[in-house]
Structures are given as C-alpha cells and as structure tokens.
C-alpha atoms as a PDB file:
ATOM      1  CA  MET A   1     -21.974  19.456 -24.710  1.00  0.00           C
ATOM      2  CA  SER A   2     -19.976  19.044 -21.558  1.00  0.00           C
ATOM      3  CA  LEU A   3     -16.388  18.736 -21.127  1.00  0.00           C
ATOM      4  CA  LEU A   4     -16.782  15.038 -19.866  1.00  0.00           C
ATOM      5  CA  SER A   5     -18.579  13.884 -22.948  1.00  0.00           C
ATOM      6  CA  GLY A   6     -15.704  15.460 -25.075  1.00  0.00           C
ATOM      7  CA  LEU A   7     -13.296  13.179 -23.122  1.00  0.00           C
ATOM      8  CA  LEU A   8     -15.339  10.225 -23.346  1.00  0.00           C
ATOM      9  CA  ASP A   9     -15.582  10.216 -27.211  1.00  0.00           C
ATOM     10  CA  HIS A  10     -12.076   9.043 -27.371  1.00  0.00           C
ATOM     11  CA  MET A  11     -12.637   5.783 -25.079  1.00  0.00           C
ATOM     12  CA  PRO A  12     -13.449   2.528 -26.684  1.00  0.00           C
ATOM     13  CA  PRO A  13     -16.641   1.112 -26.150  1.00  0.00           C
ATOM     14  CA  VAL A  14     -17.346  -1.067 -23.258  1.00  0.00           C
ATOM     15  CA  VAL A  15     -18.358  -4.541 -24.705  1.00  0.00           C
ATOM     16  CA  ILE A  16     -20.901  -6.118 -22.227  1.00  0.00           C
ATOM     17  CA  GLY A  17     -20.858 -10.150 -22.117  1.00  0.00           C
ATOM     18  CA  THR A  18     -17.246 -10.749 -22.407  1.00  0.00           C
ATOM     19  CA  GLU A  19     -15.556 -13.053 -20.025  1.00  0.00           C
ATOM     20  CA  SER A  20     -12.358 -12.451 -17.961  1.00  0.00           C
ATOM     21  CA  PRO A  21      -9.397 -14.413 -19.272  1.00  0.00           C
ATOM     22  CA  LYS A  22      -8.988 -17.688 -17.679  1.00  0.00           C
ATOM     23  CA  VAL A  23      -6.894 -18.142 -14.806  1.00  0.00           C
ATOM     24  CA  ASP A  24      -4.218 -20.804 -14.766  1.00  0.00           C
ATOM     25  CA  SER A  25      -5.585 -23.710 -12.344  1.00  0.00           C
ATOM     26  CA  GLN A  26      -1.924 -25.031 -11.933  1.00  0.00           C
ATOM     27  CA  SER A  27      -0.228 -24.129  -8.357  1.00  0.00           C
ATOM     28  CA  ARG A  28       2.249 -21.638  -8.597  1.00  0.00           C
ATOM     29  CA  PRO A  29       5.537 -22.135  -6.546  1.00  0.00           C
ATOM     30  CA  ARG A  30       5.894 -20.519  -3.236  1.00  0.00           C
ATOM     31  CA  PHE A  31       8.812 -18.765  -2.042  1.00  0.00           C
ATOM     32  CA  VAL A  32      10.154 -19.465   1.452  1.00  0.00           C
ATOM     33  CA  LEU A  33      12.996 -17.913   3.164  1.00  0.00           C
ATOM     34  CA  ALA A  34      15.434 -20.876   3.598  1.00  0.00           C
ATOM     35  CA  THR A  35      17.215 -19.426   6.883  1.00  0.00           C
ATOM     36  CA  ARG A  36      15.861 -16.481   9.155  1.00  0.00           C
ATOM     37  CA  VAL A  37      18.306 -13.367   9.328  1.00  0.00           C
ATOM     38  CA  GLU A  38      18.356 -11.896  12.794  1.00  0.00           C
ATOM     39  CA  ARG A  39      19.307  -8.178  12.455  1.00  0.00           C
ATOM     40  CA  PRO A  40      20.071  -5.822  15.338  1.00  0.00           C
ATOM     41  CA  ALA A  41      17.670  -2.973  15.725  1.00  0.00           C
ATOM     42  CA  GLN A  42      19.031   0.199  13.923  1.00  0.00           C
ATOM     43  CA  PHE A  43      17.866   2.875  16.166  1.00  0.00           C
ATOM     44  CA  ILE A  44      17.817   2.120  19.816  1.00  0.00           C
ATOM     45  CA  THR A  45      16.353   4.795  22.039  1.00  0.00           C
ATOM     46  CA  ALA A  46      14.509   5.125  25.349  1.00  0.00           C
ATOM     47  CA  PRO A  47      10.912   3.606  25.455  1.00  0.00           C
ATOM     48  CA  HIS A  48       9.957   6.665  22.753  1.00  0.00           C
ATOM     49  CA  ALA A  49      11.780   9.877  22.063  1.00  0.00           C
ATOM     50  CA  ASN A  50       9.153  12.797  21.639  1.00  0.00           C
ATOM     51  CA  ALA A  51       8.289  16.401  23.121  1.00  0.00           C
ATOM     52  CA  ALA A  52       6.227  14.896  25.925  1.00  0.00           C
ATOM     53  CA  THR A  53       9.332  12.853  27.288  1.00  0.00           C
ATOM     54  CA  ALA A  54      11.942  15.358  26.337  1.00  0.00           C
ATOM     55  CA  THR A  55      13.926  17.169  28.814  1.00  0.00           C
ATOM     56  CA  PRO A  56      12.518  20.606  29.922  1.00  0.00           C
ATOM     57  CA  GLU A  57      15.737  22.726  28.898  1.00  0.00           C
ATOM     58  CA  TRP A  58      14.663  21.336  25.180  1.00  0.00           C
ATOM     59  CA  ARG A  59      11.027  22.246  25.543  1.00  0.00           C
ATOM     60  CA  GLN A  60      12.195  25.459  26.502  1.00  0.00           C
ATOM     61  CA  ALA A  61      14.566  25.968  23.617  1.00  0.00           C
ATOM     62  CA  ARG A  62      11.808  24.770  21.257  1.00  0.00           C
ATOM     63  CA  ASP A  63       8.967  26.956  22.626  1.00  0.00           C
ATOM     64  CA  GLN A  64      11.396  30.066  22.309  1.00  0.00           C
ATOM     65  CA  TYR A  65      12.420  29.381  18.701  1.00  0.00           C
ATOM     66  CA  LEU A  66       8.843  28.633  17.519  1.00  0.00           C
ATOM     67  CA  SER A  67       7.487  31.673  19.506  1.00  0.00           C
ATOM     68  CA  HIS A  68      10.185  33.958  17.697  1.00  0.00           C
ATOM     69  CA  ILE A  69       9.460  32.471  14.273  1.00  0.00           C
ATOM     70  CA  MET A  70       5.787  33.041  14.332  1.00  0.00           C
ATOM     71  CA  VAL A  71       6.068  36.714  14.587  1.00  0.00           C
ATOM     72  CA  CYS A  72       9.382  37.242  13.188  1.00  0.00           C
ATOM     73  CA  SER A  73       8.655  38.672   9.644  1.00  0.00           C
ATOM     74  CA  SER A  74      12.328  38.035   8.888  1.00  0.00           C
ATOM     75  CA  CYS A  75      12.493  34.389   9.649  1.00  0.00           C
ATOM     76  CA  TYR A  76      11.234  31.930   7.196  1.00  0.00           C
ATOM     77  CA  ALA A  77      11.850  28.377   8.814  1.00  0.00           C
ATOM     78  CA  PRO A  78      11.256  26.273   5.595  1.00  0.00           C
ATOM     79  CA  THR A  79      13.879  27.649   3.584  1.00  0.00           C
ATOM     80  CA  GLY A  80      16.368  28.110   6.967  1.00  0.00           C
ATOM     81  CA  ARG A  81      16.566  31.913   6.514  1.00  0.00           C
ATOM     82  CA  HIS A  82      16.357  33.606  10.029  1.00  0.00           C
ATOM     83  CA  CYS A  83      17.362  37.088  11.433  1.00  0.00           C
ATOM     84  CA  THR A  84      20.127  36.958  14.086  1.00  0.00           C
ATOM     85  CA  ALA A  85      17.829  36.466  17.028  1.00  0.00           C
ATOM     86  CA  GLY A  86      16.254  33.575  14.978  1.00  0.00           C
ATOM     87  CA  ALA A  87      19.478  32.132  14.102  1.00  0.00           C
ATOM     88  CA  HIS A  88      20.696  31.983  17.904  1.00  0.00           C
ATOM     89  CA  LEU A  89      17.432  30.512  18.896  1.00  0.00           C
ATOM     90  CA  ARG A  90      17.573  27.977  16.057  1.00  0.00           C
ATOM     91  CA  ALA A  91      20.977  27.021  17.211  1.00  0.00           C
ATOM     92  CA  SER A  92      20.197  26.979  20.793  1.00  0.00           C
ATOM     93  CA  TYR A  93      17.377  24.651  19.835  1.00  0.00           C
ATOM     94  CA  ASP A  94      19.439  22.376  17.839  1.00  0.00           C
ATOM     95  CA  ASN A  95      22.125  22.203  20.283  1.00  0.00           C
ATOM     96  CA  THR A  96      19.947  21.175  23.326  1.00  0.00           C
ATOM     97  CA  PRO A  97      19.392  17.417  23.861  1.00  0.00           C
ATOM     98  CA  LEU A  98      16.139  16.131  23.578  1.00  0.00           C
ATOM     99  CA  GLU A  99      16.576  13.220  25.939  1.00  0.00           C
ATOM    100  CA  ALA A 100      18.615  13.273  29.190  1.00  0.00           C
ATOM    101  CA  ARG A 101      22.000  11.863  29.203  1.00  0.00           C
ATOM    102  CA  SER A 102      22.322   8.713  31.205  1.00  0.00           C
END
C-alpha cells in the first residue's frame, strides 16, 4: 500500500453522470464607470531608470560595493551586516545618484 492510496481512502467517491448545476439564463447587470477619473502619474522619471542608463559614478560605486561583499566574510547584505569598509562602500553606493541631475 502506497502513501498516496492511504490519502485517497478519505476522499469521497466520484459519481459519474451527474450534471453540473444549472446556470441562470437571466442577464446579469453590468457595472460601468460613470465618469472617467484622470489621475496623474505617481512616479515621473526619465524614459527608464536602470543600471544601463545610470551615471558612471553610480555604476562604479555599485561595482565596488558588490565586489567587496562577494568576497568579505564579515559582510552579509540581506541582514545589513557590514564590516567597516563594507559600511563605507554601502553608504557611498546609497548616496551616489542613479540619474544625472538636470
């Protein structure tokens, strides 16, 4: 006897030939928005802010930080634990702007 058959013993039997419940043929009311609400965009940025469009300074700060935490046994980024050098690199990374100021 397998584990699966023990689980299936507690299920009710399947009855073949039963029909599905009748669906009401009356049409249901449809909900329509009476007036369209125009909302301004919440976040307005340049075409798309990402690492490819970031400033060279930001990319350098990111690369230095990531290179450090990948080899440092004292740093553990998911919990925010950093050694002194890692903490300075993280602060530099956080304070460097991703987008160039206009």
